[in-house]
Amino acid sequence: DSGHLDLSRVTVPTLIYVGPGDEGLTPMRASALADAVPAATLRSRPGYGHFCHIDRAEEMTAEVADFLRDPRSAADSSEGGTTVTELLDGQPTSYVGSPRYEGANIRTWIGFKHFMYLVEEGVLQYFRDRGVGARDIYHRYGLGLEIVDSSVQLPVALEAEEQVYATVVSGKPKPGQGAPFNVSLTVEREGETVTVLKGKVQVALVAVKDGS
């Protein structure tokens, strides 16, 4: 019955942890849970499992204590002159979406272009989570955000109407080569997590002619 509770009524700041080792709260379910709670902050940690509060007690205690002192600190902000290098913090970002039916070019199989649309949405979510979405980047800094290079593999087919979970993690930037990101797209099939895309993309912030 707990799965049918009205979580939209939970308005107090809430911290949700998830990791790849948690078989019960998968990343996709954790993201859906965070979306359902208005004041939730979702934190994904590579080494966390279902009992991370025991296995990583000291680490979690410190983070939770900071959160209780100031819940606003859970959300990264661009205030104070944040640089691109500071935005590439190595922490994963989650995005959940579905391919458009337009992308079904062989029966219900999705074509490559629409895989990349989902990758792009994951990258945009990465920047939004850190307080500088594409609109903010344009209006505040006169820049456009572009994926300028990509190298990805598609291990299995993606079908129309499937819910896709994207994980985006920043890499270490090199001068003149843009910001590198590792990206994976997964779906849940018959209770198992299946990878439909994995690879890397390079993102650049470029000046636009009519930008402020």
N, C-alpha and C. Protein backbone atom coordinates (compact mmCIF):
# COMPACT_ATOMS: atom_id res chain seq x y z
N ASP A 1 0.81 -1.20 0.00
CA ASP A 1 0.00 0.00 0.00
C ASP A 1 0.85 1.27 0.00
N SER A 2 2.08 1.17 0.51
CA SER A 2 2.91 2.37 0.60
C SER A 2 3.21 2.95 -0.78
N GLY A 3 3.15 2.14 -1.81
CA GLY A 3 3.41 2.62 -3.15
C GLY A 3 2.33 3.52 -3.70
N HIS A 4 1.19 3.60 -2.98
CA HIS A 4 0.08 4.43 -3.46
C HIS A 4 -0.11 5.68 -2.60
N LEU A 5 0.83 5.97 -1.72
CA LEU A 5 0.73 7.17 -0.89
C LEU A 5 0.88 8.43 -1.74
N ASP A 6 0.20 9.49 -1.36
CA ASP A 6 0.27 10.77 -2.07
C ASP A 6 1.51 11.52 -1.59
N LEU A 7 2.64 11.34 -2.27
CA LEU A 7 3.89 11.95 -1.85
C LEU A 7 3.95 13.44 -2.15
N SER A 8 3.02 13.93 -2.95
CA SER A 8 3.02 15.37 -3.25
C SER A 8 2.71 16.19 -2.00
N ARG A 9 2.21 15.55 -0.95
CA ARG A 9 1.89 16.25 0.30
C ARG A 9 3.13 16.38 1.19
N VAL A 10 4.23 15.72 0.82
CA VAL A 10 5.47 15.82 1.60
C VAL A 10 6.22 17.06 1.14
N THR A 11 6.10 18.12 1.88
CA THR A 11 6.67 19.40 1.46
C THR A 11 7.94 19.77 2.23
N VAL A 12 8.34 18.97 3.20
CA VAL A 12 9.59 19.25 3.93
C VAL A 12 10.77 18.82 3.08
N PRO A 13 11.91 19.48 3.17
CA PRO A 13 13.10 19.07 2.41
C PRO A 13 13.44 17.61 2.70
N THR A 14 13.64 16.85 1.65
CA THR A 14 13.88 15.40 1.76
C THR A 14 15.11 15.01 0.95
N LEU A 15 15.94 14.17 1.54
CA LEU A 15 17.17 13.71 0.89
C LEU A 15 17.03 12.24 0.54
N ILE A 16 17.22 11.91 -0.74
CA ILE A 16 17.09 10.53 -1.21
C ILE A 16 18.45 10.06 -1.75
N TYR A 17 18.91 8.92 -1.25
CA TYR A 17 20.17 8.35 -1.73
C TYR A 17 19.89 7.13 -2.60
N VAL A 18 20.70 6.95 -3.62
CA VAL A 18 20.58 5.78 -4.47
C VAL A 18 21.96 5.40 -4.99
N GLY A 19 22.14 4.12 -5.26
CA GLY A 19 23.40 3.64 -5.83
C GLY A 19 23.15 2.41 -6.67
N PRO A 20 24.08 2.05 -7.55
CA PRO A 20 23.88 0.90 -8.44
C PRO A 20 23.79 -0.43 -7.71
N GLY A 21 24.24 -0.47 -6.45
CA GLY A 21 24.19 -1.72 -5.70
C GLY A 21 22.87 -1.97 -5.00
N ASP A 22 21.91 -1.07 -5.15
CA ASP A 22 20.61 -1.22 -4.51
C ASP A 22 19.66 -1.92 -5.48
N GLU A 23 19.34 -3.19 -5.19
CA GLU A 23 18.49 -3.95 -6.09
C GLU A 23 17.01 -3.59 -5.93
N GLY A 24 16.66 -3.02 -4.75
CA GLY A 24 15.27 -2.66 -4.52
C GLY A 24 14.92 -1.30 -5.07
N LEU A 25 15.75 -0.30 -4.76
CA LEU A 25 15.50 1.06 -5.25
C LEU A 25 16.45 1.31 -6.42
N THR A 26 16.02 0.91 -7.61
CA THR A 26 16.85 1.10 -8.80
C THR A 26 16.93 2.59 -9.12
N PRO A 27 17.94 3.02 -9.88
CA PRO A 27 18.05 4.43 -10.23
C PRO A 27 16.78 5.01 -10.86
N MET A 28 16.11 4.22 -11.70
CA MET A 28 14.90 4.71 -12.35
C MET A 28 13.79 4.93 -11.32
N ARG A 29 13.66 4.01 -10.38
CA ARG A 29 12.63 4.15 -9.35
C ARG A 29 12.96 5.30 -8.40
N ALA A 30 14.26 5.45 -8.10
CA ALA A 30 14.67 6.55 -7.22
C ALA A 30 14.36 7.89 -7.85
N SER A 31 14.59 8.01 -9.15
CA SER A 31 14.29 9.26 -9.85
C SER A 31 12.79 9.55 -9.84
N ALA A 32 11.98 8.50 -10.02
CA ALA A 32 10.53 8.68 -9.98
C ALA A 32 10.08 9.10 -8.58
N LEU A 33 10.73 8.53 -7.56
CA LEU A 33 10.41 8.91 -6.18
C LEU A 33 10.75 10.37 -5.93
N ALA A 34 11.91 10.80 -6.40
CA ALA A 34 12.32 12.19 -6.22
C ALA A 34 11.37 13.15 -6.94
N ASP A 35 10.90 12.74 -8.13
CA ASP A 35 9.96 13.59 -8.87
C ASP A 35 8.63 13.72 -8.14
N ALA A 36 8.26 12.67 -7.38
CA ALA A 36 6.97 12.66 -6.70
C ALA A 36 6.96 13.50 -5.44
N VAL A 37 8.15 13.75 -4.86
CA VAL A 37 8.25 14.53 -3.62
C VAL A 37 8.70 15.95 -3.98
N PRO A 38 7.86 16.96 -3.75
CA PRO A 38 8.16 18.32 -4.21
C PRO A 38 9.51 18.88 -3.76
N ALA A 39 9.93 18.60 -2.53
CA ALA A 39 11.15 19.21 -2.00
C ALA A 39 12.29 18.20 -1.88
N ALA A 40 12.28 17.20 -2.75
CA ALA A 40 13.30 16.14 -2.65
C ALA A 40 14.57 16.50 -3.40
N THR A 41 15.69 16.05 -2.85
CA THR A 41 16.99 16.12 -3.53
C THR A 41 17.51 14.70 -3.68
N LEU A 42 17.84 14.31 -4.90
CA LEU A 42 18.32 12.95 -5.17
C LEU A 42 19.83 12.97 -5.31
N ARG A 43 20.50 12.12 -4.53
CA ARG A 43 21.95 11.98 -4.61
C ARG A 43 22.29 10.55 -4.99
N SER A 44 23.04 10.40 -6.06
CA SER A 44 23.47 9.09 -6.53
C SER A 44 24.96 8.93 -6.22
N ARG A 45 25.30 7.82 -5.58
CA ARG A 45 26.68 7.55 -5.21
C ARG A 45 27.10 6.19 -5.75
N PRO A 46 28.25 6.12 -6.44
CA PRO A 46 28.69 4.88 -7.10
C PRO A 46 28.76 3.66 -6.17
N GLY A 47 29.21 3.84 -4.93
CA GLY A 47 29.41 2.69 -4.05
C GLY A 47 28.25 2.36 -3.14
N TYR A 48 27.11 3.03 -3.31
CA TYR A 48 26.00 2.85 -2.37
C TYR A 48 25.11 1.68 -2.77
N GLY A 49 24.66 0.93 -1.76
CA GLY A 49 23.70 -0.14 -1.95
C GLY A 49 22.51 0.08 -1.03
N HIS A 50 21.71 -0.97 -0.83
CA HIS A 50 20.50 -0.84 -0.04
C HIS A 50 20.80 -0.53 1.43
N PHE A 51 21.97 -0.97 1.90
CA PHE A 51 22.33 -0.75 3.31
C PHE A 51 23.50 0.25 3.41
N CYS A 52 23.46 1.27 2.56
CA CYS A 52 24.53 2.26 2.56
C CYS A 52 24.60 3.02 3.88
N HIS A 53 23.46 3.11 4.59
CA HIS A 53 23.46 3.80 5.88
C HIS A 53 24.26 3.03 6.92
N ILE A 54 24.53 1.75 6.65
CA ILE A 54 25.38 0.94 7.53
C ILE A 54 26.79 0.82 6.96
N ASP A 55 26.87 0.50 5.65
CA ASP A 55 28.18 0.30 5.01
C ASP A 55 28.97 1.60 4.89
N ARG A 56 28.27 2.71 4.69
CA ARG A 56 28.92 4.03 4.53
C ARG A 56 28.44 4.99 5.62
N ALA A 57 28.31 4.49 6.84
CA ALA A 57 27.70 5.25 7.93
C ALA A 57 28.39 6.59 8.18
N GLU A 58 29.72 6.59 8.25
CA GLU A 58 30.44 7.82 8.55
C GLU A 58 30.25 8.86 7.45
N GLU A 59 30.36 8.40 6.20
CA GLU A 59 30.21 9.31 5.05
C GLU A 59 28.80 9.88 4.99
N MET A 60 27.80 9.01 5.18
CA MET A 60 26.42 9.47 5.10
C MET A 60 26.07 10.38 6.27
N THR A 61 26.59 10.08 7.45
CA THR A 61 26.31 10.91 8.62
C THR A 61 26.75 12.34 8.39
N ALA A 62 27.93 12.51 7.80
CA ALA A 62 28.45 13.85 7.53
C ALA A 62 27.56 14.59 6.53
N GLU A 63 27.14 13.90 5.47
CA GLU A 63 26.30 14.55 4.46
C GLU A 63 24.92 14.89 5.01
N VAL A 64 24.34 13.96 5.76
CA VAL A 64 23.01 14.20 6.32
C VAL A 64 23.06 15.34 7.34
N ALA A 65 24.14 15.39 8.12
CA ALA A 65 24.28 16.49 9.09
C ALA A 65 24.33 17.84 8.39
N ASP A 66 25.08 17.91 7.28
CA ASP A 66 25.13 19.16 6.50
C ASP A 66 23.75 19.51 5.96
N PHE A 67 23.03 18.49 5.50
CA PHE A 67 21.70 18.70 4.94
C PHE A 67 20.74 19.23 6.01
N LEU A 68 20.81 18.66 7.22
CA LEU A 68 19.92 19.09 8.29
C LEU A 68 20.22 20.52 8.75
N ARG A 69 21.52 20.89 8.69
CA ARG A 69 21.88 22.25 9.06
C ARG A 69 21.36 23.26 8.05
N ASP A 70 21.43 22.89 6.76
CA ASP A 70 20.98 23.80 5.71
C ASP A 70 20.53 22.99 4.51
N PRO A 71 19.23 22.63 4.41
CA PRO A 71 18.73 21.83 3.29
C PRO A 71 19.01 22.45 1.93
N ARG A 72 19.14 23.78 1.89
CA ARG A 72 19.39 24.45 0.60
C ARG A 72 20.76 24.08 0.03
N SER A 73 21.67 23.63 0.89
CA SER A 73 23.01 23.28 0.42
C SER A 73 23.01 22.04 -0.44
N ALA A 74 21.91 21.29 -0.41
CA ALA A 74 21.85 20.07 -1.21
C ALA A 74 21.79 20.36 -2.69
N ALA A 75 21.29 21.53 -3.05
CA ALA A 75 21.19 21.90 -4.46
C ALA A 75 22.36 22.78 -4.83
N ASP A 76 23.09 22.39 -5.86
CA ASP A 76 24.20 23.21 -6.33
C ASP A 76 23.67 24.49 -6.94
N SER A 77 24.40 25.58 -6.81
CA SER A 77 23.96 26.88 -7.33
C SER A 77 25.05 27.50 -8.16
N SER A 78 24.64 28.33 -9.11
CA SER A 78 25.61 29.02 -9.96
C SER A 78 25.98 30.38 -9.39
N GLU A 79 25.37 30.74 -8.25
CA GLU A 79 25.67 32.06 -7.70
C GLU A 79 27.11 32.12 -7.24
N GLY A 80 27.70 33.31 -7.33
CA GLY A 80 29.06 33.48 -6.83
C GLY A 80 30.11 33.21 -7.88
N GLY A 81 29.73 33.19 -9.16
CA GLY A 81 30.74 33.05 -10.20
C GLY A 81 31.24 31.65 -10.40
N THR A 82 30.35 30.65 -10.39
CA THR A 82 30.74 29.27 -10.63
C THR A 82 31.35 29.13 -12.02
N THR A 83 32.46 28.43 -12.13
CA THR A 83 33.10 28.20 -13.42
C THR A 83 32.70 26.85 -13.97
N VAL A 84 32.95 26.65 -15.28
CA VAL A 84 32.62 25.37 -15.90
C VAL A 84 33.38 24.24 -15.21
N THR A 85 34.64 24.49 -14.86
CA THR A 85 35.43 23.45 -14.20
C THR A 85 34.78 23.04 -12.89
N GLU A 86 34.22 24.00 -12.15
CA GLU A 86 33.55 23.67 -10.89
C GLU A 86 32.27 22.88 -11.13
N LEU A 87 31.63 23.09 -12.26
CA LEU A 87 30.42 22.35 -12.58
C LEU A 87 30.72 20.89 -12.88
N LEU A 88 31.91 20.59 -13.34
CA LEU A 88 32.30 19.21 -13.66
C LEU A 88 32.79 18.54 -12.39
N ASP A 89 31.84 18.19 -11.52
CA ASP A 89 32.19 17.74 -10.17
C ASP A 89 32.31 16.23 -10.04
N GLY A 90 32.11 15.49 -11.13
CA GLY A 90 32.25 14.04 -11.08
C GLY A 90 31.07 13.31 -10.46
N GLN A 91 30.05 14.05 -10.03
CA GLN A 91 28.87 13.43 -9.44
C GLN A 91 27.84 13.14 -10.54
N PRO A 92 27.19 11.99 -10.49
CA PRO A 92 26.25 11.62 -11.55
C PRO A 92 24.95 12.40 -11.49
N THR A 93 24.36 12.59 -12.66
CA THR A 93 23.04 13.19 -12.78
C THR A 93 22.11 12.17 -13.44
N SER A 94 20.85 12.18 -13.02
CA SER A 94 19.86 11.25 -13.55
C SER A 94 18.82 11.99 -14.37
N TYR A 95 18.35 11.31 -15.42
CA TYR A 95 17.26 11.86 -16.23
C TYR A 95 16.40 10.68 -16.70
N VAL A 96 15.09 10.85 -16.63
CA VAL A 96 14.17 9.81 -17.08
C VAL A 96 13.30 10.37 -18.19
N GLY A 97 13.24 9.66 -19.31
CA GLY A 97 12.43 10.09 -20.43
C GLY A 97 12.08 8.92 -21.33
N SER A 98 11.40 9.21 -22.42
CA SER A 98 11.03 8.18 -23.39
C SER A 98 11.30 8.70 -24.80
N PRO A 99 11.69 7.81 -25.71
CA PRO A 99 11.90 8.26 -27.09
C PRO A 99 10.58 8.62 -27.75
N ARG A 100 10.65 9.58 -28.64
CA ARG A 100 9.44 9.98 -29.36
C ARG A 100 9.09 8.90 -30.40
N TYR A 101 7.80 8.73 -30.64
CA TYR A 101 7.35 7.73 -31.60
C TYR A 101 7.90 8.01 -32.99
N GLU A 102 8.14 9.28 -33.26
CA GLU A 102 8.73 9.68 -34.55
C GLU A 102 10.03 8.92 -34.83
N GLY A 103 10.75 8.55 -33.76
CA GLY A 103 12.04 7.88 -33.93
C GLY A 103 11.94 6.41 -34.28
N ALA A 104 10.73 5.84 -34.32
CA ALA A 104 10.56 4.42 -34.64
C ALA A 104 10.64 4.24 -36.15
N ASN A 105 11.85 3.99 -36.65
CA ASN A 105 12.02 3.92 -38.10
C ASN A 105 11.94 2.50 -38.66
N ILE A 106 12.02 1.48 -37.80
CA ILE A 106 11.81 0.10 -38.22
C ILE A 106 10.81 -0.51 -37.24
N ARG A 107 9.55 -0.61 -37.63
CA ARG A 107 8.47 -1.01 -36.73
C ARG A 107 8.52 -0.14 -35.47
N THR A 108 8.77 -0.72 -34.29
CA THR A 108 8.82 0.09 -33.07
C THR A 108 10.25 0.29 -32.58
N TRP A 109 11.24 -0.06 -33.38
CA TRP A 109 12.64 0.14 -33.00
C TRP A 109 13.03 1.61 -33.22
N ILE A 110 13.75 2.14 -32.25
CA ILE A 110 14.13 3.55 -32.29
C ILE A 110 15.47 3.73 -33.01
N GLY A 111 15.53 4.76 -33.86
CA GLY A 111 16.75 5.05 -34.62
C GLY A 111 17.79 5.80 -33.79
N PHE A 112 19.02 5.84 -34.33
CA PHE A 112 20.16 6.40 -33.60
C PHE A 112 19.94 7.85 -33.18
N LYS A 113 19.36 8.66 -34.05
CA LYS A 113 19.19 10.08 -33.76
C LYS A 113 18.41 10.28 -32.47
N HIS A 114 17.41 9.45 -32.24
CA HIS A 114 16.58 9.62 -31.05
C HIS A 114 17.24 9.06 -29.80
N PHE A 115 18.17 8.15 -29.95
CA PHE A 115 19.05 7.79 -28.83
C PHE A 115 19.80 9.04 -28.36
N MET A 116 20.33 9.77 -29.35
CA MET A 116 21.14 10.95 -29.03
C MET A 116 20.30 12.09 -28.47
N TYR A 117 19.02 12.16 -28.85
CA TYR A 117 18.15 13.15 -28.23
C TYR A 117 18.05 12.90 -26.72
N LEU A 118 17.97 11.63 -26.33
CA LEU A 118 17.89 11.28 -24.91
C LEU A 118 19.21 11.59 -24.21
N VAL A 119 20.33 11.34 -24.90
CA VAL A 119 21.64 11.70 -24.35
C VAL A 119 21.70 13.21 -24.12
N GLU A 120 21.25 13.98 -25.10
CA GLU A 120 21.26 15.43 -24.99
C GLU A 120 20.42 15.90 -23.81
N GLU A 121 19.25 15.29 -23.61
CA GLU A 121 18.40 15.66 -22.49
C GLU A 121 19.09 15.36 -21.16
N GLY A 122 19.83 14.24 -21.11
CA GLY A 122 20.57 13.92 -19.90
C GLY A 122 21.65 14.94 -19.60
N VAL A 123 22.35 15.38 -20.63
CA VAL A 123 23.40 16.40 -20.47
C VAL A 123 22.78 17.73 -20.02
N LEU A 124 21.66 18.11 -20.63
CA LEU A 124 20.99 19.34 -20.23
C LEU A 124 20.54 19.27 -18.77
N GLN A 125 20.06 18.09 -18.36
CA GLN A 125 19.65 17.92 -16.97
C GLN A 125 20.84 18.07 -16.03
N TYR A 126 22.01 17.61 -16.47
CA TYR A 126 23.23 17.76 -15.66
C TYR A 126 23.46 19.24 -15.32
N PHE A 127 23.35 20.09 -16.32
CA PHE A 127 23.58 21.52 -16.10
C PHE A 127 22.43 22.15 -15.30
N ARG A 128 21.19 21.71 -15.57
CA ARG A 128 20.06 22.24 -14.81
C ARG A 128 20.21 21.92 -13.33
N ASP A 129 20.66 20.71 -13.03
CA ASP A 129 20.82 20.31 -11.62
C ASP A 129 21.84 21.17 -10.89
N ARG A 130 22.74 21.81 -11.65
CA ARG A 130 23.78 22.64 -11.05
C ARG A 130 23.47 24.13 -11.17
N GLY A 131 22.21 24.41 -11.50
CA GLY A 131 21.74 25.78 -11.46
C GLY A 131 21.94 26.58 -12.73
N VAL A 132 22.40 25.96 -13.80
CA VAL A 132 22.61 26.70 -15.05
C VAL A 132 22.07 25.88 -16.23
N GLY A 133 20.77 25.97 -16.42
CA GLY A 133 20.16 25.30 -17.56
C GLY A 133 20.47 26.02 -18.86
N ALA A 134 20.07 25.45 -19.97
CA ALA A 134 20.39 26.03 -21.28
C ALA A 134 19.83 27.45 -21.43
N ARG A 135 18.64 27.69 -20.91
CA ARG A 135 18.05 29.03 -21.00
C ARG A 135 18.86 30.03 -20.18
N ASP A 136 19.28 29.61 -18.99
CA ASP A 136 20.07 30.48 -18.13
C ASP A 136 21.43 30.77 -18.75
N ILE A 137 22.04 29.74 -19.33
CA ILE A 137 23.34 29.92 -19.98
C ILE A 137 23.24 30.94 -21.12
N TYR A 138 22.13 30.89 -21.84
CA TYR A 138 21.95 31.82 -22.96
C TYR A 138 21.69 33.25 -22.47
N HIS A 139 20.72 33.41 -21.57
CA HIS A 139 20.31 34.76 -21.18
C HIS A 139 21.31 35.43 -20.23
N ARG A 140 22.01 34.67 -19.41
CA ARG A 140 22.94 35.27 -18.46
C ARG A 140 24.35 35.44 -19.02
N TYR A 141 24.73 34.49 -19.91
CA TYR A 141 26.12 34.49 -20.37
C TYR A 141 26.27 34.62 -21.88
N GLY A 142 25.15 34.62 -22.63
CA GLY A 142 25.23 34.76 -24.08
C GLY A 142 25.87 33.56 -24.76
N LEU A 143 25.64 32.36 -24.21
CA LEU A 143 26.27 31.14 -24.73
C LEU A 143 25.23 30.11 -25.12
N GLY A 144 25.61 29.27 -26.06
CA GLY A 144 24.82 28.11 -26.42
C GLY A 144 25.53 26.85 -25.98
N LEU A 145 24.78 25.82 -25.66
CA LEU A 145 25.35 24.54 -25.23
C LEU A 145 25.19 23.53 -26.36
N GLU A 146 26.30 22.94 -26.80
CA GLU A 146 26.26 22.01 -27.93
C GLU A 146 27.07 20.75 -27.64
N ILE A 147 26.56 19.62 -28.12
CA ILE A 147 27.35 18.39 -28.13
C ILE A 147 28.16 18.41 -29.42
N VAL A 148 29.48 18.49 -29.31
CA VAL A 148 30.33 18.67 -30.48
C VAL A 148 31.01 17.38 -30.92
N ASP A 149 30.96 16.34 -30.10
CA ASP A 149 31.55 15.06 -30.49
C ASP A 149 30.90 13.96 -29.67
N SER A 150 30.81 12.76 -30.23
CA SER A 150 30.23 11.65 -29.50
C SER A 150 30.82 10.33 -29.98
N SER A 151 30.91 9.39 -29.07
CA SER A 151 31.35 8.04 -29.38
C SER A 151 30.56 7.09 -28.50
N VAL A 152 29.55 6.43 -29.07
CA VAL A 152 28.65 5.61 -28.26
C VAL A 152 28.45 4.24 -28.89
N GLN A 153 28.06 3.29 -28.05
CA GLN A 153 27.69 1.95 -28.49
C GLN A 153 26.23 1.71 -28.15
N LEU A 154 25.54 0.96 -29.00
CA LEU A 154 24.14 0.60 -28.78
C LEU A 154 24.06 -0.92 -28.68
N PRO A 155 24.22 -1.48 -27.47
CA PRO A 155 24.28 -2.95 -27.32
C PRO A 155 23.00 -3.67 -27.72
N VAL A 156 21.84 -3.05 -27.42
CA VAL A 156 20.56 -3.68 -27.76
C VAL A 156 19.62 -2.61 -28.29
N ALA A 157 18.54 -3.06 -28.91
CA ALA A 157 17.57 -2.13 -29.50
C ALA A 157 16.74 -1.45 -28.41
N LEU A 158 16.30 -0.24 -28.73
CA LEU A 158 15.38 0.52 -27.87
C LEU A 158 14.06 0.61 -28.61
N GLU A 159 12.96 0.45 -27.89
CA GLU A 159 11.66 0.45 -28.53
C GLU A 159 10.82 1.65 -28.10
N ALA A 160 9.87 1.99 -28.94
CA ALA A 160 8.96 3.09 -28.64
C ALA A 160 8.24 2.84 -27.32
N GLU A 161 8.00 3.91 -26.58
CA GLU A 161 7.23 3.91 -25.34
C GLU A 161 7.98 3.31 -24.14
N GLU A 162 9.23 2.90 -24.33
CA GLU A 162 10.00 2.43 -23.19
C GLU A 162 10.46 3.62 -22.36
N GLN A 163 10.47 3.47 -21.04
CA GLN A 163 10.98 4.51 -20.15
C GLN A 163 12.49 4.33 -20.03
N VAL A 164 13.22 5.38 -20.31
CA VAL A 164 14.68 5.32 -20.38
C VAL A 164 15.29 6.08 -19.21
N TYR A 165 16.27 5.47 -18.57
CA TYR A 165 16.98 6.10 -17.46
C TYR A 165 18.37 6.48 -17.94
N ALA A 166 18.68 7.77 -17.92
CA ALA A 166 20.00 8.25 -18.35
C ALA A 166 20.85 8.59 -17.13
N THR A 167 22.12 8.20 -17.16
CA THR A 167 23.09 8.58 -16.14
C THR A 167 24.21 9.34 -16.83
N VAL A 168 24.50 10.54 -16.35
CA VAL A 168 25.52 11.40 -16.95
C VAL A 168 26.55 11.75 -15.88
N VAL A 169 27.83 11.47 -16.16
CA VAL A 169 28.91 11.76 -15.22
C VAL A 169 30.00 12.54 -15.96
N SER A 170 30.44 13.64 -15.39
CA SER A 170 31.47 14.45 -16.05
C SER A 170 32.84 13.82 -15.90
N GLY A 171 33.70 14.08 -16.90
CA GLY A 171 35.08 13.63 -16.85
C GLY A 171 36.01 14.82 -16.63
N LYS A 172 37.30 14.59 -16.78
CA LYS A 172 38.28 15.66 -16.59
C LYS A 172 38.49 16.39 -17.91
N PRO A 173 38.24 17.71 -17.93
CA PRO A 173 38.35 18.44 -19.20
C PRO A 173 39.79 18.67 -19.63
N LYS A 174 39.99 18.75 -20.94
CA LYS A 174 41.28 19.10 -21.52
C LYS A 174 41.13 20.43 -22.26
N PRO A 175 42.11 21.32 -22.18
CA PRO A 175 42.00 22.64 -22.81
C PRO A 175 41.65 22.54 -24.29
N GLY A 176 40.65 23.30 -24.68
CA GLY A 176 40.28 23.36 -26.10
C GLY A 176 39.49 22.19 -26.62
N GLN A 177 39.13 21.23 -25.74
CA GLN A 177 38.42 20.03 -26.21
C GLN A 177 37.02 19.90 -25.63
N GLY A 178 36.54 20.94 -24.98
CA GLY A 178 35.19 20.88 -24.42
C GLY A 178 35.14 20.10 -23.13
N ALA A 179 33.92 19.91 -22.64
CA ALA A 179 33.70 19.19 -21.39
C ALA A 179 33.28 17.75 -21.69
N PRO A 180 34.03 16.77 -21.17
CA PRO A 180 33.72 15.37 -21.47
C PRO A 180 32.70 14.79 -20.49
N PHE A 181 31.81 13.95 -21.00
CA PHE A 181 30.82 13.28 -20.15
C PHE A 181 30.72 11.81 -20.55
N ASN A 182 30.61 10.95 -19.55
CA ASN A 182 30.28 9.55 -19.76
C ASN A 182 28.77 9.40 -19.60
N VAL A 183 28.15 8.73 -20.55
CA VAL A 183 26.70 8.63 -20.57
C VAL A 183 26.27 7.18 -20.73
N SER A 184 25.23 6.80 -20.01
CA SER A 184 24.61 5.49 -20.23
C SER A 184 23.10 5.64 -20.24
N LEU A 185 22.43 4.86 -21.06
CA LEU A 185 20.98 4.80 -21.10
C LEU A 185 20.56 3.38 -20.78
N THR A 186 19.66 3.21 -19.83
CA THR A 186 19.18 1.89 -19.46
C THR A 186 17.66 1.86 -19.44
N VAL A 187 17.11 0.65 -19.57
CA VAL A 187 15.67 0.43 -19.43
C VAL A 187 15.48 -0.77 -18.51
N GLU A 188 14.28 -0.89 -17.97
CA GLU A 188 13.94 -2.05 -17.15
C GLU A 188 13.09 -3.00 -17.97
N ARG A 189 13.57 -4.25 -18.07
CA ARG A 189 12.84 -5.27 -18.82
C ARG A 189 12.75 -6.53 -17.98
N GLU A 190 11.53 -6.93 -17.69
CA GLU A 190 11.27 -8.14 -16.90
C GLU A 190 12.04 -8.12 -15.59
N GLY A 191 12.04 -6.94 -14.94
CA GLY A 191 12.67 -6.82 -13.64
C GLY A 191 14.17 -6.66 -13.66
N GLU A 192 14.78 -6.58 -14.84
CA GLU A 192 16.23 -6.41 -14.94
C GLU A 192 16.57 -5.09 -15.63
N THR A 193 17.72 -4.52 -15.25
CA THR A 193 18.20 -3.29 -15.87
C THR A 193 19.05 -3.65 -17.09
N VAL A 194 18.67 -3.12 -18.25
CA VAL A 194 19.34 -3.43 -19.51
C VAL A 194 19.94 -2.14 -20.09
N THR A 195 21.21 -2.18 -20.45
CA THR A 195 21.88 -1.02 -21.04
C THR A 195 21.59 -0.98 -22.54
N VAL A 196 21.06 0.16 -23.01
CA VAL A 196 20.77 0.32 -24.44
C VAL A 196 21.75 1.28 -25.11
N LEU A 197 22.50 2.05 -24.32
CA LEU A 197 23.53 2.95 -24.87
C LEU A 197 24.60 3.19 -23.80
N LYS A 198 25.84 3.22 -24.24
CA LYS A 198 26.93 3.63 -23.35
C LYS A 198 28.00 4.29 -24.21
N GLY A 199 28.64 5.31 -23.66
CA GLY A 199 29.66 5.98 -24.44
C GLY A 199 30.04 7.32 -23.84
N LYS A 200 30.65 8.17 -24.69
CA LYS A 200 31.15 9.46 -24.25
C LYS A 200 30.71 10.54 -25.22
N VAL A 201 30.52 11.75 -24.67
CA VAL A 201 30.23 12.91 -25.50
C VAL A 201 31.09 14.08 -25.03
N GLN A 202 31.36 15.00 -25.95
CA GLN A 202 32.07 16.24 -25.63
C GLN A 202 31.09 17.39 -25.78
N VAL A 203 31.03 18.24 -24.77
CA VAL A 203 30.09 19.36 -24.75
C VAL A 203 30.86 20.67 -24.76
N ALA A 204 30.40 21.62 -25.56
CA ALA A 204 31.06 22.93 -25.64
C ALA A 204 30.04 24.03 -25.37
N LEU A 205 30.48 25.08 -24.71
CA LEU A 205 29.71 26.30 -24.56
C LEU A 205 30.22 27.28 -25.61
N VAL A 206 29.37 27.67 -26.55
CA VAL A 206 29.79 28.49 -27.68
C VAL A 206 29.08 29.84 -27.66
N ALA A 207 29.77 30.89 -28.09
CA ALA A 207 29.17 32.22 -28.16
C ALA A 207 28.14 32.25 -29.28
N VAL A 208 27.01 32.90 -29.03
CA VAL A 208 25.96 33.03 -30.04
C VAL A 208 25.85 34.51 -30.44
N LYS A 209 25.56 34.77 -31.70
CA LYS A 209 25.59 36.12 -32.25
C LYS A 209 24.67 37.08 -31.53
N ASP A 210 23.45 36.60 -31.20
CA ASP A 210 22.47 37.51 -30.61
C ASP A 210 22.42 37.36 -29.10
N GLY A 211 23.44 36.74 -28.49
CA GLY A 211 23.44 36.56 -27.04
C GLY A 211 23.80 37.85 -26.32
N SER A 212 23.37 37.91 -25.06
CA SER A 212 23.66 39.11 -24.27
C SER A 212 25.10 39.11 -23.80
